[in-house]
Amino acid sequence: MIPLIGLIIGVILGIFLKIDIPNSLTAYIPVAILAALDSVFGGVRASLEKKFDSDIFISGFFSNIILAIGLTYLGDALNVPIYLAAVVVFGSRLFNNFAIIRRILLQKGRIKLKGKEE
């Protein structure tokens, strides 16, 4: 639940606060957002599976962002789009976690429906 609350607060702050991002950082922000969303969806999944650990969530959140930004910086320094690796990995993990979250919620919904029918 904590990751979801953090995501909602972040989205609300992002909508209402007008922050200009310098052009030099425009390649870094989307990759960092994907890394953060991957951690949030992983946290939601872990919470639904009753395996959530705040230490693992926080360390994963920041290490994913640092890794993604580091890959993007290395790619900029080498003039190679290495950030695409981070986009592919975090994007696929995001969709995978979303699919698992969807399945868990559907199973819980089915169990509740069966309980009401009896």
C-alpha atoms as a PDB file:
ATOM      1  CA  MET A   1       0.000   0.000   0.000  1.00  0.00           C
ATOM      2  CA  ILE A   2       2.888   2.365   0.746  1.00  0.00           C
ATOM      3  CA  PRO A   3       4.216   2.244  -2.841  1.00  0.00           C
ATOM      4  CA  LEU A   4       0.783   3.045  -4.248  1.00  0.00           C
ATOM      5  CA  ILE A   5       0.320   5.990  -1.884  1.00  0.00           C
ATOM      6  CA  GLY A   6       3.764   7.303  -2.842  1.00  0.00           C
ATOM      7  CA  LEU A   7       2.922   6.985  -6.527  1.00  0.00           C
ATOM      8  CA  ILE A   8      -0.350   8.891  -6.090  1.00  0.00           C
ATOM      9  CA  ILE A   9       1.347  11.658  -4.096  1.00  0.00           C
ATOM     10  CA  GLY A  10       4.093  11.904  -6.721  1.00  0.00           C
ATOM     11  CA  VAL A  11       1.610  12.154  -9.585  1.00  0.00           C
ATOM     12  CA  ILE A  12      -0.395  14.848  -7.776  1.00  0.00           C
ATOM     13  CA  LEU A  13       2.757  16.856  -7.016  1.00  0.00           C
ATOM     14  CA  GLY A  14       3.904  16.460 -10.614  1.00  0.00           C
ATOM     15  CA  ILE A  15       0.601  17.780 -11.931  1.00  0.00           C
ATOM     16  CA  PHE A  16       0.387  20.839  -9.695  1.00  0.00           C
ATOM     17  CA  LEU A  17       4.049  21.858  -9.393  1.00  0.00           C
ATOM     18  CA  LYS A  18       5.414  23.395 -12.552  1.00  0.00           C
ATOM     19  CA  ILE A  19       9.026  22.205 -12.684  1.00  0.00           C
ATOM     20  CA  ASP A  20      11.119  22.909 -15.763  1.00  0.00           C
ATOM     21  CA  ILE A  21      13.570  20.145 -16.590  1.00  0.00           C
ATOM     22  CA  PRO A  22      16.743  21.238 -18.397  1.00  0.00           C
ATOM     23  CA  ASN A  23      17.215  19.792 -21.879  1.00  0.00           C
ATOM     24  CA  SER A  24      20.428  18.111 -20.770  1.00  0.00           C
ATOM     25  CA  LEU A  25      18.423  15.906 -18.391  1.00  0.00           C
ATOM     26  CA  THR A  26      15.578  14.927 -20.710  1.00  0.00           C
ATOM     27  CA  ALA A  27      17.130  11.545 -21.514  1.00  0.00           C
ATOM     28  CA  TYR A  28      17.539  10.712 -17.815  1.00  0.00           C
ATOM     29  CA  ILE A  29      14.058  11.516 -16.498  1.00  0.00           C
ATOM     30  CA  PRO A  30      12.047   8.930 -18.495  1.00  0.00           C
ATOM     31  CA  VAL A  31      14.490   6.157 -17.613  1.00  0.00           C
ATOM     32  CA  ALA A  32      14.412   7.131 -13.934  1.00  0.00           C
ATOM     33  CA  ILE A  33      10.597   7.215 -14.016  1.00  0.00           C
ATOM     34  CA  LEU A  34      10.474   3.736 -15.559  1.00  0.00           C
ATOM     35  CA  ALA A  35      12.862   2.441 -12.898  1.00  0.00           C
ATOM     36  CA  ALA A  36      10.766   4.021 -10.151  1.00  0.00           C
ATOM     37  CA  LEU A  37       7.520   2.648 -11.587  1.00  0.00           C
ATOM     38  CA  ASP A  38       9.102  -0.797 -11.807  1.00  0.00           C
ATOM     39  CA  SER A  39       9.876  -0.602  -8.090  1.00  0.00           C
ATOM     40  CA  VAL A  40       6.394   0.676  -7.245  1.00  0.00           C
ATOM     41  CA  PHE A  41       4.651  -2.085  -9.187  1.00  0.00           C
ATOM     42  CA  GLY A  42       7.023  -4.620  -7.620  1.00  0.00           C
ATOM     43  CA  GLY A  43       6.116  -3.246  -4.198  1.00  0.00           C
ATOM     44  CA  VAL A  44       2.400  -3.465  -4.921  1.00  0.00           C
ATOM     45  CA  ARG A  45       2.863  -7.026  -6.128  1.00  0.00           C
ATOM     46  CA  ALA A  46       4.842  -7.945  -3.014  1.00  0.00           C
ATOM     47  CA  SER A  47       2.181  -6.328  -0.839  1.00  0.00           C
ATOM     48  CA  LEU A  48      -0.588  -8.336  -2.504  1.00  0.00           C
ATOM     49  CA  GLU A  49       1.473 -11.505  -2.069  1.00  0.00           C
ATOM     50  CA  LYS A  50       2.020 -10.595   1.627  1.00  0.00           C
ATOM     51  CA  LYS A  51       5.795 -10.474   1.035  1.00  0.00           C
ATOM     52  CA  PHE A  52       6.353  -6.703   1.225  1.00  0.00           C
ATOM     53  CA  ASP A  53       9.518  -5.586   3.021  1.00  0.00           C
ATOM     54  CA  SER A  54      10.070  -1.831   3.236  1.00  0.00           C
ATOM     55  CA  ASP A  55      13.878  -2.186   3.358  1.00  0.00           C
ATOM     56  CA  ILE A  56      13.881  -4.199   0.134  1.00  0.00           C
ATOM     57  CA  PHE A  57      11.450  -1.760  -1.488  1.00  0.00           C
ATOM     58  CA  ILE A  58      13.421   1.372  -0.576  1.00  0.00           C
ATOM     59  CA  SER A  59      16.802  -0.112  -1.500  1.00  0.00           C
ATOM     60  CA  GLY A  60      15.400  -1.462  -4.780  1.00  0.00           C
ATOM     61  CA  PHE A  61      13.716   1.848  -5.573  1.00  0.00           C
ATOM     62  CA  PHE A  62      16.895   3.886  -5.263  1.00  0.00           C
ATOM     63  CA  SER A  63      19.282   1.283  -6.690  1.00  0.00           C
ATOM     64  CA  ASN A  64      17.043   0.838  -9.784  1.00  0.00           C
ATOM     65  CA  ILE A  65      17.015   4.598 -10.358  1.00  0.00           C
ATOM     66  CA  ILE A  66      20.777   4.902  -9.837  1.00  0.00           C
ATOM     67  CA  LEU A  67      21.449   1.976 -12.183  1.00  0.00           C
ATOM     68  CA  ALA A  68      19.148   3.393 -14.867  1.00  0.00           C
ATOM     69  CA  ILE A  69      20.686   6.863 -14.635  1.00  0.00           C
ATOM     70  CA  GLY A  70      24.180   5.338 -14.611  1.00  0.00           C
ATOM     71  CA  LEU A  71      23.460   3.383 -17.796  1.00  0.00           C
ATOM     72  CA  THR A  72      22.062   6.497 -19.432  1.00  0.00           C
ATOM     73  CA  TYR A  73      25.111   8.536 -18.420  1.00  0.00           C
ATOM     74  CA  LEU A  74      27.492   5.847 -19.670  1.00  0.00           C
ATOM     75  CA  GLY A  75      25.610   5.748 -22.948  1.00  0.00           C
ATOM     76  CA  ASP A  76      25.850   9.533 -23.275  1.00  0.00           C
ATOM     77  CA  ALA A  77      29.578   9.413 -22.562  1.00  0.00           C
ATOM     78  CA  LEU A  78      30.131   6.686 -25.170  1.00  0.00           C
ATOM     79  CA  ASN A  79      27.599   8.168 -27.593  1.00  0.00           C
ATOM     80  CA  VAL A  80      25.731   4.842 -27.604  1.00  0.00           C
ATOM     81  CA  PRO A  81      22.048   4.540 -26.633  1.00  0.00           C
ATOM     82  CA  ILE A  82      22.644   2.137 -23.722  1.00  0.00           C
ATOM     83  CA  TYR A  83      19.607   3.621 -21.954  1.00  0.00           C
ATOM     84  CA  LEU A  84      17.480   1.493 -24.295  1.00  0.00           C
ATOM     85  CA  ALA A  85      18.583  -1.573 -22.328  1.00  0.00           C
ATOM     86  CA  ALA A  86      17.149  -0.021 -19.164  1.00  0.00           C
ATOM     87  CA  VAL A  87      13.945   0.948 -20.990  1.00  0.00           C
ATOM     88  CA  VAL A  88      13.473  -2.596 -22.290  1.00  0.00           C
ATOM     89  CA  VAL A  89      14.247  -4.315 -18.973  1.00  0.00           C
ATOM     90  CA  PHE A  90      12.258  -1.987 -16.736  1.00  0.00           C
ATOM     91  CA  GLY A  91       9.410  -1.818 -19.238  1.00  0.00           C
ATOM     92  CA  SER A  92       9.126  -5.594 -19.484  1.00  0.00           C
ATOM     93  CA  ARG A  93       9.302  -5.977 -15.695  1.00  0.00           C
ATOM     94  CA  LEU A  94       6.645  -3.300 -15.329  1.00  0.00           C
ATOM     95  CA  PHE A  95       4.254  -5.143 -17.631  1.00  0.00           C
ATOM     96  CA  ASN A  96       5.096  -8.471 -15.976  1.00  0.00           C
ATOM     97  CA  ASN A  97       4.368  -7.104 -12.496  1.00  0.00           C
ATOM     98  CA  PHE A  98       1.171  -5.482 -13.762  1.00  0.00           C
ATOM     99  CA  ALA A  99       0.013  -8.807 -15.217  1.00  0.00           C
ATOM    100  CA  ILE A 100       0.718 -10.603 -11.939  1.00  0.00           C
ATOM    101  CA  ILE A 101      -1.084  -7.872  -9.944  1.00  0.00           C
ATOM    102  CA  ARG A 102      -4.069  -8.210 -12.275  1.00  0.00           C
ATOM    103  CA  ARG A 103      -4.149 -11.997 -11.800  1.00  0.00           C
ATOM    104  CA  ILE A 104      -3.934 -11.708  -8.020  1.00  0.00           C
ATOM    105  CA  LEU A 105      -6.761  -9.167  -7.921  1.00  0.00           C
ATOM    106  CA  LEU A 106      -8.911 -11.315 -10.220  1.00  0.00           C
ATOM    107  CA  GLN A 107      -8.317 -14.382  -8.046  1.00  0.00           C
ATOM    108  CA  LYS A 108      -9.229 -12.443  -4.902  1.00  0.00           C
ATOM    109  CA  GLY A 109     -12.363 -11.139  -6.615  1.00  0.00           C
ATOM    110  CA  ARG A 110     -13.381 -14.648  -7.682  1.00  0.00           C
ATOM    111  CA  ILE A 111     -12.848 -15.981  -4.157  1.00  0.00           C
ATOM    112  CA  LYS A 112     -15.060 -13.206  -2.740  1.00  0.00           C
ATOM    113  CA  LEU A 113     -17.758 -13.931  -5.318  1.00  0.00           C
ATOM    114  CA  LYS A 114     -17.703 -17.661  -4.499  1.00  0.00           C
ATOM    115  CA  GLY A 115     -17.982 -16.868  -0.795  1.00  0.00           C
ATOM    116  CA  LYS A 116     -21.066 -14.684  -1.374  1.00  0.00           C
ATOM    117  CA  GLU A 117     -22.778 -17.293  -3.552  1.00  0.00           C
ATOM    118  CA  GLU A 118     -22.658 -19.960  -0.869  1.00  0.00           C
END
